[in-house]
Protein backbone atom coordinates (compact mmCIF):
# COMPACT_ATOMS: atom_id res chain seq x y z
CA UNK A 1 127.80 94.67 95.63
CA UNK A 2 124.75 96.39 94.24
CA UNK A 3 123.98 99.72 95.92
CA UNK A 4 120.19 99.59 95.79
CA UNK A 5 119.82 103.01 97.40
CA UNK A 6 121.93 104.61 94.66
CA UNK A 7 120.09 102.66 91.95
CA UNK A 8 116.72 103.69 93.42
CA UNK A 9 117.73 107.36 93.45
CA UNK A 10 118.84 107.11 89.83
CA UNK A 11 115.57 105.40 88.82
CA UNK A 12 113.49 108.03 90.62
CA UNK A 13 115.42 110.85 88.97
CA UNK A 14 115.00 109.31 85.52
CA UNK A 15 111.30 108.71 86.22
CA UNK A 16 110.81 112.38 87.09
CA UNK A 17 112.67 113.54 83.97
CA UNK A 18 110.61 111.24 81.75
CA UNK A 19 107.35 112.42 83.31
CA UNK A 20 108.29 116.06 82.62
CA UNK A 21 109.15 115.27 79.01
CA UNK A 22 105.90 113.35 78.58
CA UNK A 23 103.85 116.17 80.11
CA UNK A 24 105.37 118.53 77.54
CA UNK A 25 104.09 116.33 74.71
CA UNK A 26 100.83 114.96 76.01
CA UNK A 27 98.66 113.92 78.89
CA UNK A 28 97.83 110.79 80.82
CA UNK A 29 94.40 109.39 80.02
CA UNK A 30 92.98 108.44 83.44
CA UNK A 31 90.55 105.94 81.90
CA UNK A 32 93.15 103.90 80.02
CA UNK A 33 96.31 104.72 81.96
CA UNK A 34 98.00 105.44 78.61
CA UNK A 35 99.76 108.62 77.57
CA UNK A 36 98.24 110.49 74.64
CA UNK A 37 100.16 112.89 72.47
CA UNK A 38 98.63 116.32 72.07
CA UNK A 39 99.28 118.27 68.87
CA UNK A 40 101.08 121.56 69.33
CA UNK A 41 98.75 124.52 69.22
CA UNK A 42 99.38 127.26 66.73
CA UNK A 43 97.90 130.74 66.94
CA UNK A 44 97.77 131.14 63.20
CA UNK A 45 95.36 129.38 60.85
CA UNK A 46 96.61 126.84 58.34
CA UNK A 47 98.22 128.78 55.52
CA UNK A 48 98.38 125.93 53.04
CA UNK A 49 98.63 122.17 52.64
CA UNK A 50 102.37 122.23 53.31
CA UNK A 51 101.81 123.75 56.75
CA UNK A 52 99.18 121.12 57.50
CA UNK A 53 101.54 118.37 56.37
CA UNK A 54 104.33 119.78 58.53
CA UNK A 55 102.04 119.79 61.56
CA UNK A 56 101.00 116.21 60.86
CA UNK A 57 104.62 115.09 60.54
CA UNK A 58 105.50 116.83 63.79
CA UNK A 59 102.58 115.16 65.54
CA UNK A 60 103.64 111.75 64.21
CA UNK A 61 107.22 112.30 65.40
CA UNK A 62 105.98 113.38 68.83
CA UNK A 63 103.69 110.33 68.99
CA UNK A 64 106.62 108.05 68.20
CA UNK A 65 108.74 109.69 70.86
CA UNK A 66 105.89 109.40 73.37
CA UNK A 67 105.79 105.63 72.80
CA UNK A 68 109.51 105.36 73.43
CA UNK A 69 109.29 107.46 76.60
CA UNK A 70 106.24 105.56 77.85
CA UNK A 71 108.00 102.23 77.34
CA UNK A 72 111.05 103.49 79.21
CA UNK A 73 108.85 104.81 82.03
CA UNK A 74 107.11 101.44 82.39
CA UNK A 75 110.49 99.72 82.71
CA UNK A 76 111.55 102.17 85.39
CA UNK A 77 108.31 101.74 87.33
CA UNK A 78 108.70 97.95 87.23
CA UNK A 79 112.29 98.29 88.47
CA UNK A 80 111.24 100.61 91.30
CA UNK A 81 108.49 98.21 92.31
CA UNK A 82 110.88 95.25 92.42
CA UNK A 83 114.02 96.92 93.76
CA UNK A 84 113.70 95.29 97.18
CA UNK A 85 113.32 91.80 95.78
CA UNK A 86 116.27 89.43 96.02
CA UNK A 87 116.09 88.91 92.25
CA UNK A 88 116.66 92.62 91.52
CA UNK A 89 119.95 93.11 89.71
CA UNK A 90 120.03 89.50 88.53
CA UNK A 91 119.84 88.49 84.88
CA UNK A 92 116.42 87.08 83.98
CA UNK A 93 118.12 84.56 81.65
CA UNK A 94 121.16 83.20 83.54
CA UNK A 95 120.25 84.44 87.06
CA UNK A 96 123.76 85.85 87.59
CA UNK A 97 124.43 89.39 88.82
CA UNK A 98 124.06 92.05 86.14
CA UNK A 99 127.34 93.92 85.67
CA UNK A 100 127.61 97.11 87.72
CA UNK A 101 128.55 99.13 84.64
CA UNK A 102 125.32 97.99 82.99
CA UNK A 103 123.24 98.75 86.09
CA UNK A 104 124.81 102.20 86.33
CA UNK A 105 124.05 102.91 82.68
CA UNK A 106 120.57 101.36 82.77
CA UNK A 107 119.29 100.80 86.32
CA UNK A 108 116.16 99.07 85.02
CA UNK A 109 118.18 96.45 83.11
CA UNK A 110 116.75 92.95 83.29
CA UNK A 111 119.62 91.05 81.69
CA UNK A 112 123.41 90.95 81.80
CA UNK A 113 125.47 92.11 78.83
CA UNK A 114 125.75 88.54 77.55
CA UNK A 115 121.98 88.22 77.29
CA UNK A 116 121.27 91.78 76.13
CA UNK A 117 118.32 91.81 73.74
CA UNK A 118 116.96 88.42 74.78
């Protein structure tokens, strides 16, 4: 049987960790509700084009990571919102219970292992 209290605690913990990571890389735009990556600040002026390129690459990597974290956060928020529904913990494809091992590994899972990626 699915322990919704345990799953909820795990989701809340993961949500808090994600929010901390996202705050380290950017800020939430209150107008759009989207997270925006902020470039790291350096105390020294650009020494050359290589330094500028390195900063740009770092910003791009951080932006990519922000998108991954934001997507994960959205999944967690959806799961927290629907945790008290009867359909929580059921596969969206076959409507059977999602395996406990899957729910423990990914408490915001929407499908069983058989339908993973669908």
